[in-house]
Amino acid sequence: QVQVMESGGGLVQPGGSLRLSCAFSEFTRYRKDAMSWFRQTPGKEREWVTTILIDGLSAAYADSVKGRFIISKDDDKNMVYLQMNDLKPEDTGVYYCRGNLGGYYYWGQGTQVTVSS
């Protein structure tokens, strides 16, 4: 069972930046593996934010965050990061990390991000 844990959330003013971290107990190396970030606000469905493939060469972003967020990973540390810049109030939510590893999904428990003045 792969363990996943997010960190780095907090309160930030509009226009500010945060970097979220996601620690995996292990990475697998299957070609189709990928890591993603999702977010959720009360009363809404969980929303996909971004995905990076295990090779680190391909990433995709939701239109709402394109140009502001950057996903990256460190294979040596089994870590995935989400750099969030120019944050907006609508970015507020609980951010979840998900690993699609070896055909299975592994979720973290989430970290709260609040963008407010």
C-alpha atoms as a PDB file:
ATOM      1  CA  GLN A   1       0.000   0.000   0.000  1.00  0.00           C
ATOM      2  CA  VAL A   2       1.504   3.290  -1.115  1.00  0.00           C
ATOM      3  CA  GLN A   3       1.188   6.101   1.416  1.00  0.00           C
ATOM      4  CA  VAL A   4       0.600   9.651   0.207  1.00  0.00           C
ATOM      5  CA  MET A   5       0.803  12.832   2.271  1.00  0.00           C
ATOM      6  CA  GLU A   6       0.354  16.439   1.221  1.00  0.00           C
ATOM      7  CA  SER A   7       1.759  19.489   2.973  1.00  0.00           C
ATOM      8  CA  GLY A   8       2.358  23.173   2.380  1.00  0.00           C
ATOM      9  CA  GLY A   9      -1.140  24.582   2.453  1.00  0.00           C
ATOM     10  CA  GLY A  10      -2.058  27.751   4.274  1.00  0.00           C
ATOM     11  CA  LEU A  11      -3.508  31.231   4.050  1.00  0.00           C
ATOM     12  CA  VAL A  12      -2.188  33.530   1.349  1.00  0.00           C
ATOM     13  CA  GLN A  13      -3.268  36.875  -0.059  1.00  0.00           C
ATOM     14  CA  PRO A  14      -4.488  37.211  -3.636  1.00  0.00           C
ATOM     15  CA  GLY A  15      -1.527  37.461  -5.982  1.00  0.00           C
ATOM     16  CA  GLY A  16       0.663  35.475  -3.627  1.00  0.00           C
ATOM     17  CA  SER A  17       2.360  32.107  -4.050  1.00  0.00           C
ATOM     18  CA  LEU A  18       2.441  28.757  -2.299  1.00  0.00           C
ATOM     19  CA  ARG A  19       4.231  25.507  -2.961  1.00  0.00           C
ATOM     20  CA  LEU A  20       2.481  22.294  -2.060  1.00  0.00           C
ATOM     21  CA  SER A  21       4.406  19.096  -1.501  1.00  0.00           C
ATOM     22  CA  CYS A  22       3.272  15.514  -1.825  1.00  0.00           C
ATOM     23  CA  ALA A  23       5.314  12.697  -0.325  1.00  0.00           C
ATOM     24  CA  PHE A  24       4.933   9.157  -1.630  1.00  0.00           C
ATOM     25  CA  SER A  25       6.193   6.161   0.356  1.00  0.00           C
ATOM     26  CA  GLU A  26       7.390   4.793  -2.966  1.00  0.00           C
ATOM     27  CA  PHE A  27       7.294   5.480  -6.647  1.00  0.00           C
ATOM     28  CA  THR A  28       6.716   2.823  -9.223  1.00  0.00           C
ATOM     29  CA  ARG A  29       8.221   3.003 -12.660  1.00  0.00           C
ATOM     30  CA  TYR A  30       5.515   1.778 -14.989  1.00  0.00           C
ATOM     31  CA  ARG A  31       5.416   3.709 -18.210  1.00  0.00           C
ATOM     32  CA  LYS A  32       1.820   4.901 -17.763  1.00  0.00           C
ATOM     33  CA  ASP A  33       2.186   5.990 -14.145  1.00  0.00           C
ATOM     34  CA  ALA A  34       1.294   9.545 -13.319  1.00  0.00           C
ATOM     35  CA  MET A  35       0.821  11.926 -10.401  1.00  0.00           C
ATOM     36  CA  SER A  36      -1.923  14.510 -10.189  1.00  0.00           C
ATOM     37  CA  TRP A  37      -3.302  17.293  -8.086  1.00  0.00           C
ATOM     38  CA  PHE A  38      -6.996  17.839  -7.522  1.00  0.00           C
ATOM     39  CA  ARG A  39      -8.886  20.381  -5.447  1.00  0.00           C
ATOM     40  CA  GLN A  40     -12.273  20.583  -3.829  1.00  0.00           C
ATOM     41  CA  THR A  41     -14.402  23.295  -2.273  1.00  0.00           C
ATOM     42  CA  PRO A  42     -17.474  22.682  -0.089  1.00  0.00           C
ATOM     43  CA  GLY A  43     -20.523  21.782  -2.123  1.00  0.00           C
ATOM     44  CA  LYS A  44     -18.554  21.119  -5.280  1.00  0.00           C
ATOM     45  CA  GLU A  45     -17.121  18.028  -6.881  1.00  0.00           C
ATOM     46  CA  ARG A  46     -13.434  17.374  -6.744  1.00  0.00           C
ATOM     47  CA  GLU A  47     -11.751  19.183  -9.648  1.00  0.00           C
ATOM     48  CA  TRP A  48      -8.712  18.030 -11.573  1.00  0.00           C
ATOM     49  CA  VAL A  49      -5.881  20.583 -11.555  1.00  0.00           C
ATOM     50  CA  THR A  50      -2.809  19.049 -13.145  1.00  0.00           C
ATOM     51  CA  THR A  51      -1.027  15.796 -14.020  1.00  0.00           C
ATOM     52  CA  ILE A  52       2.575  14.870 -14.659  1.00  0.00           C
ATOM     53  CA  LEU A  53       3.655  11.584 -16.209  1.00  0.00           C
ATOM     54  CA  ILE A  54       6.233   9.388 -14.507  1.00  0.00           C
ATOM     55  CA  ASP A  55       8.813  10.289 -17.146  1.00  0.00           C
ATOM     56  CA  GLY A  56       8.501  13.910 -16.070  1.00  0.00           C
ATOM     57  CA  LEU A  57       8.439  15.031 -19.679  1.00  0.00           C
ATOM     58  CA  SER A  58       4.712  15.578 -20.027  1.00  0.00           C
ATOM     59  CA  ALA A  59       2.323  17.617 -17.928  1.00  0.00           C
ATOM     60  CA  ALA A  60      -1.187  18.922 -18.407  1.00  0.00           C
ATOM     61  CA  TYR A  61      -3.102  21.671 -16.642  1.00  0.00           C
ATOM     62  CA  ALA A  62      -6.682  22.758 -16.216  1.00  0.00           C
ATOM     63  CA  ASP A  63      -7.414  25.959 -18.095  1.00  0.00           C
ATOM     64  CA  SER A  64      -8.155  27.730 -14.824  1.00  0.00           C
ATOM     65  CA  VAL A  65      -4.566  27.310 -13.609  1.00  0.00           C
ATOM     66  CA  LYS A  66      -2.584  27.202 -16.844  1.00  0.00           C
ATOM     67  CA  GLY A  67       0.268  29.691 -16.785  1.00  0.00           C
ATOM     68  CA  ARG A  68       0.073  30.095 -13.000  1.00  0.00           C
ATOM     69  CA  PHE A  69       0.664  26.606 -11.559  1.00  0.00           C
ATOM     70  CA  ILE A  70       3.594  24.298 -12.196  1.00  0.00           C
ATOM     71  CA  ILE A  71       3.772  20.612 -11.295  1.00  0.00           C
ATOM     72  CA  SER A  72       7.117  18.925 -10.811  1.00  0.00           C
ATOM     73  CA  LYS A  73       8.605  15.857  -9.158  1.00  0.00           C
ATOM     74  CA  ASP A  74      11.773  14.634  -7.559  1.00  0.00           C
ATOM     75  CA  ASP A  75      12.298  10.938  -8.158  1.00  0.00           C
ATOM     76  CA  ASP A  76      15.162  10.713  -5.672  1.00  0.00           C
ATOM     77  CA  LYS A  77      12.893  11.895  -2.879  1.00  0.00           C
ATOM     78  CA  ASN A  78       9.606  10.365  -4.109  1.00  0.00           C
ATOM     79  CA  MET A  79       8.095  13.838  -4.037  1.00  0.00           C
ATOM     80  CA  VAL A  80       5.670  15.750  -6.213  1.00  0.00           C
ATOM     81  CA  TYR A  81       5.271  19.512  -5.969  1.00  0.00           C
ATOM     82  CA  LEU A  82       2.735  22.082  -7.037  1.00  0.00           C
ATOM     83  CA  GLN A  83       4.039  25.619  -7.358  1.00  0.00           C
ATOM     84  CA  MET A  84       1.086  27.998  -7.306  1.00  0.00           C
ATOM     85  CA  ASN A  85       1.626  31.594  -8.377  1.00  0.00           C
ATOM     86  CA  ASP A  86      -0.677  34.589  -8.762  1.00  0.00           C
ATOM     87  CA  LEU A  87      -3.218  32.916  -6.527  1.00  0.00           C
ATOM     88  CA  LYS A  88      -6.847  33.972  -6.729  1.00  0.00           C
ATOM     89  CA  PRO A  89      -9.711  33.590  -4.242  1.00  0.00           C
ATOM     90  CA  GLU A  90     -11.243  30.968  -6.518  1.00  0.00           C
ATOM     91  CA  ASP A  91      -8.157  28.811  -5.974  1.00  0.00           C
ATOM     92  CA  THR A  92      -9.298  28.271  -2.395  1.00  0.00           C
ATOM     93  CA  GLY A  93      -9.961  24.662  -1.513  1.00  0.00           C
ATOM     94  CA  VAL A  94      -8.556  21.422  -0.204  1.00  0.00           C
ATOM     95  CA  TYR A  95      -5.811  20.201  -2.486  1.00  0.00           C
ATOM     96  CA  TYR A  96      -5.336  16.484  -2.928  1.00  0.00           C
ATOM     97  CA  CYS A  97      -2.461  14.573  -4.407  1.00  0.00           C
ATOM     98  CA  ARG A  98      -3.115  11.343  -6.292  1.00  0.00           C
ATOM     99  CA  GLY A  99      -0.746   8.739  -7.592  1.00  0.00           C
ATOM    100  CA  ASN A 100      -1.756   6.487 -10.461  1.00  0.00           C
ATOM    101  CA  LEU A 101       0.815   3.803  -9.837  1.00  0.00           C
ATOM    102  CA  GLY A 102       0.841   0.343 -11.333  1.00  0.00           C
ATOM    103  CA  GLY A 103      -2.823   0.628 -12.251  1.00  0.00           C
ATOM    104  CA  TYR A 104      -3.979   1.678  -8.788  1.00  0.00           C
ATOM    105  CA  TYR A 105      -4.982   5.080  -7.433  1.00  0.00           C
ATOM    106  CA  TYR A 106      -3.551   6.360  -4.164  1.00  0.00           C
ATOM    107  CA  TRP A 107      -4.877   9.522  -2.538  1.00  0.00           C
ATOM    108  CA  GLY A 108      -3.579  11.739   0.190  1.00  0.00           C
ATOM    109  CA  GLN A 109      -5.771  13.333   2.841  1.00  0.00           C
ATOM    110  CA  GLY A 110      -5.474  16.837   1.446  1.00  0.00           C
ATOM    111  CA  THR A 111      -4.106  20.192   2.493  1.00  0.00           C
ATOM    112  CA  GLN A 112      -6.150  23.372   2.825  1.00  0.00           C
ATOM    113  CA  VAL A 113      -5.327  26.397   0.696  1.00  0.00           C
ATOM    114  CA  THR A 114      -7.125  29.642   1.439  1.00  0.00           C
ATOM    115  CA  VAL A 115      -6.654  32.711  -0.733  1.00  0.00           C
ATOM    116  CA  SER A 116      -8.068  35.752   0.981  1.00  0.00           C
ATOM    117  CA  SER A 117      -7.185  39.305   1.886  1.00  0.00           C
END
